[in-house]
C-alpha atoms as a PDB file:
ATOM      1  CA  MET A   1    -292.018 115.782 -81.706  1.00  0.00           C
ATOM      2  CA  THR A   2    -293.671 112.860 -79.945  1.00  0.00           C
ATOM      3  CA  LEU A   3    -297.134 113.261 -78.449  1.00  0.00           C
ATOM      4  CA  ASP A   4    -298.758 111.254 -75.689  1.00  0.00           C
ATOM      5  CA  PRO A   5    -301.435 110.329 -76.565  1.00  0.00           C
ATOM      6  CA  LEU A   6    -300.216 109.799 -80.133  1.00  0.00           C
ATOM      7  CA  SER A   7    -303.363 111.198 -81.769  1.00  0.00           C
ATOM      8  CA  TYR A   8    -306.236 113.540 -80.969  1.00  0.00           C
ATOM      9  CA  GLN A   9    -309.739 113.180 -82.363  1.00  0.00           C
ATOM     10  CA  CYS A  10    -312.905 115.226 -82.084  1.00  0.00           C
ATOM     11  CA  PRO A  11    -315.329 112.975 -80.183  1.00  0.00           C
ATOM     12  CA  GLU A  12    -318.307 114.591 -81.912  1.00  0.00           C
ATOM     13  CA  HIS A  13    -317.143 114.486 -85.557  1.00  0.00           C
ATOM     14  CA  HIS A  14    -314.402 111.819 -85.435  1.00  0.00           C
ATOM     15  CA  THR A  15    -312.048 114.268 -87.149  1.00  0.00           C
ATOM     16  CA  ASP A  16    -308.291 113.845 -86.658  1.00  0.00           C
ATOM     17  CA  LEU A  17    -307.046 116.940 -84.814  1.00  0.00           C
ATOM     18  CA  THR A  18    -303.456 115.740 -84.364  1.00  0.00           C
ATOM     19  CA  PRO A  19    -302.002 118.087 -87.042  1.00  0.00           C
ATOM     20  CA  LEU A  20    -303.748 121.044 -85.385  1.00  0.00           C
ATOM     21  CA  VAL A  21    -302.360 120.084 -81.964  1.00  0.00           C
ATOM     22  CA  THR A  22    -298.847 119.741 -83.397  1.00  0.00           C
ATOM     23  CA  GLU A  23    -299.156 123.118 -85.128  1.00  0.00           C
ATOM     24  CA  ALA A  24    -300.369 124.778 -81.924  1.00  0.00           C
ATOM     25  CA  LEU A  25    -297.410 123.367 -79.995  1.00  0.00           C
ATOM     26  CA  ASP A  26    -294.993 124.617 -82.659  1.00  0.00           C
ATOM     27  CA  ASP A  27    -296.571 128.076 -82.445  1.00  0.00           C
ATOM     28  CA  ASP A  28    -296.284 128.132 -78.638  1.00  0.00           C
ATOM     29  CA  ALA A  29    -292.580 127.320 -78.568  1.00  0.00           C
ATOM     30  CA  PRO A  30    -290.779 130.175 -76.819  1.00  0.00           C
ATOM     31  CA  PRO A  31    -288.045 131.870 -78.826  1.00  0.00           C
ATOM     32  CA  VAL A  32    -284.581 131.186 -77.448  1.00  0.00           C
ATOM     33  CA  ALA A  33    -282.421 134.305 -77.605  1.00  0.00           C
ATOM     34  CA  PHE A  34    -279.311 132.782 -76.070  1.00  0.00           C
ATOM     35  CA  PHE A  35    -279.075 129.328 -77.590  1.00  0.00           C
ATOM     36  CA  GLY A  36    -276.709 127.133 -75.621  1.00  0.00           C
ATOM     37  CA  LEU A  37    -277.045 128.984 -72.334  1.00  0.00           C
ATOM     38  CA  ARG A  38    -280.277 127.222 -71.448  1.00  0.00           C
ATOM     39  CA  ARG A  39    -280.608 123.484 -71.277  1.00  0.00           C
ATOM     40  CA  LYS A  40    -283.591 121.908 -72.937  1.00  0.00           C
ATOM     41  CA  PRO A  41    -285.826 120.182 -70.437  1.00  0.00           C
ATOM     42  CA  SER A  42    -285.519 116.439 -70.742  1.00  0.00           C
ATOM     43  CA  GLY A  43    -288.418 114.051 -70.618  1.00  0.00           C
ATOM     44  CA  PRO A  44    -292.073 114.624 -71.414  1.00  0.00           C
ATOM     45  CA  ARG A  45    -293.575 118.055 -70.907  1.00  0.00           C
ATOM     46  CA  PRO A  46    -297.290 118.547 -70.200  1.00  0.00           C
ATOM     47  CA  PHE A  47    -299.312 120.766 -72.519  1.00  0.00           C
ATOM     48  CA  GLN A  48    -302.822 122.033 -73.057  1.00  0.00           C
ATOM     49  CA  VAL A  49    -303.869 123.724 -76.301  1.00  0.00           C
ATOM     50  CA  ILE A  50    -307.143 124.920 -77.788  1.00  0.00           C
ATOM     51  CA  VAL A  51    -307.756 123.874 -81.401  1.00  0.00           C
ATOM     52  CA  THR A  52    -310.674 124.408 -83.762  1.00  0.00           C
ATOM     53  CA  CYS A  53    -312.378 121.328 -85.142  1.00  0.00           C
ATOM     54  CA  PRO A  54    -313.556 122.219 -88.655  1.00  0.00           C
ATOM     55  CA  GLY A  55    -316.730 120.165 -88.202  1.00  0.00           C
ATOM     56  CA  ALA A  56    -317.969 117.506 -90.608  1.00  0.00           C
ATOM     57  CA  GLY A  57    -321.010 116.892 -92.778  1.00  0.00           C
ATOM     58  CA  GLY A  58    -322.126 120.515 -92.664  1.00  0.00           C
ATOM     59  CA  ALA A  59    -321.656 120.855 -88.899  1.00  0.00           C
ATOM     60  CA  ALA A  60    -320.200 124.106 -87.629  1.00  0.00           C
ATOM     61  CA  ALA A  61    -316.630 124.470 -86.447  1.00  0.00           C
ATOM     62  CA  HIS A  62    -316.066 124.479 -82.692  1.00  0.00           C
ATOM     63  CA  GLN A  63    -313.165 124.692 -80.257  1.00  0.00           C
ATOM     64  CA  LEU A  64    -311.754 121.836 -78.221  1.00  0.00           C
ATOM     65  CA  THR A  65    -309.110 121.716 -75.509  1.00  0.00           C
ATOM     66  CA  CYS A  66    -306.498 119.010 -76.032  1.00  0.00           C
ATOM     67  CA  ALA A  67    -304.025 118.039 -73.317  1.00  0.00           C
ATOM     68  CA  GLY A  68    -301.227 115.546 -72.963  1.00  0.00           C
ATOM     69  CA  ASN A  69    -297.438 115.319 -72.886  1.00  0.00           C
ATOM     70  CA  TRP A  70    -294.851 115.928 -75.582  1.00  0.00           C
ATOM     71  CA  THR A  71    -291.188 115.292 -76.036  1.00  0.00           C
ATOM     72  CA  GLN A  72    -288.935 116.721 -78.655  1.00  0.00           C
END
C-alpha cells in the first residue's frame, strides 16, 4: 500500500501515526465475495480515517482525523 502523503504525524505530540493509518485502511477494506468479477479501481483512492494518538510525555490519548490518497 502506498500512501499520499507518505507519513502522518500528530501535530501536538510529534508521534508517527502512519502505522495506525495503515491499520485502519486495512480494517476498512471491503470483503470481496466474488473475486474476479469486480475490477480493482486503478489509481489513487481518497480516504479519511480516525486514529487515536497515544499521547506522549504523560499526555492523554486523543483522536485525530487523517486524510489522503492510497494505492494498492
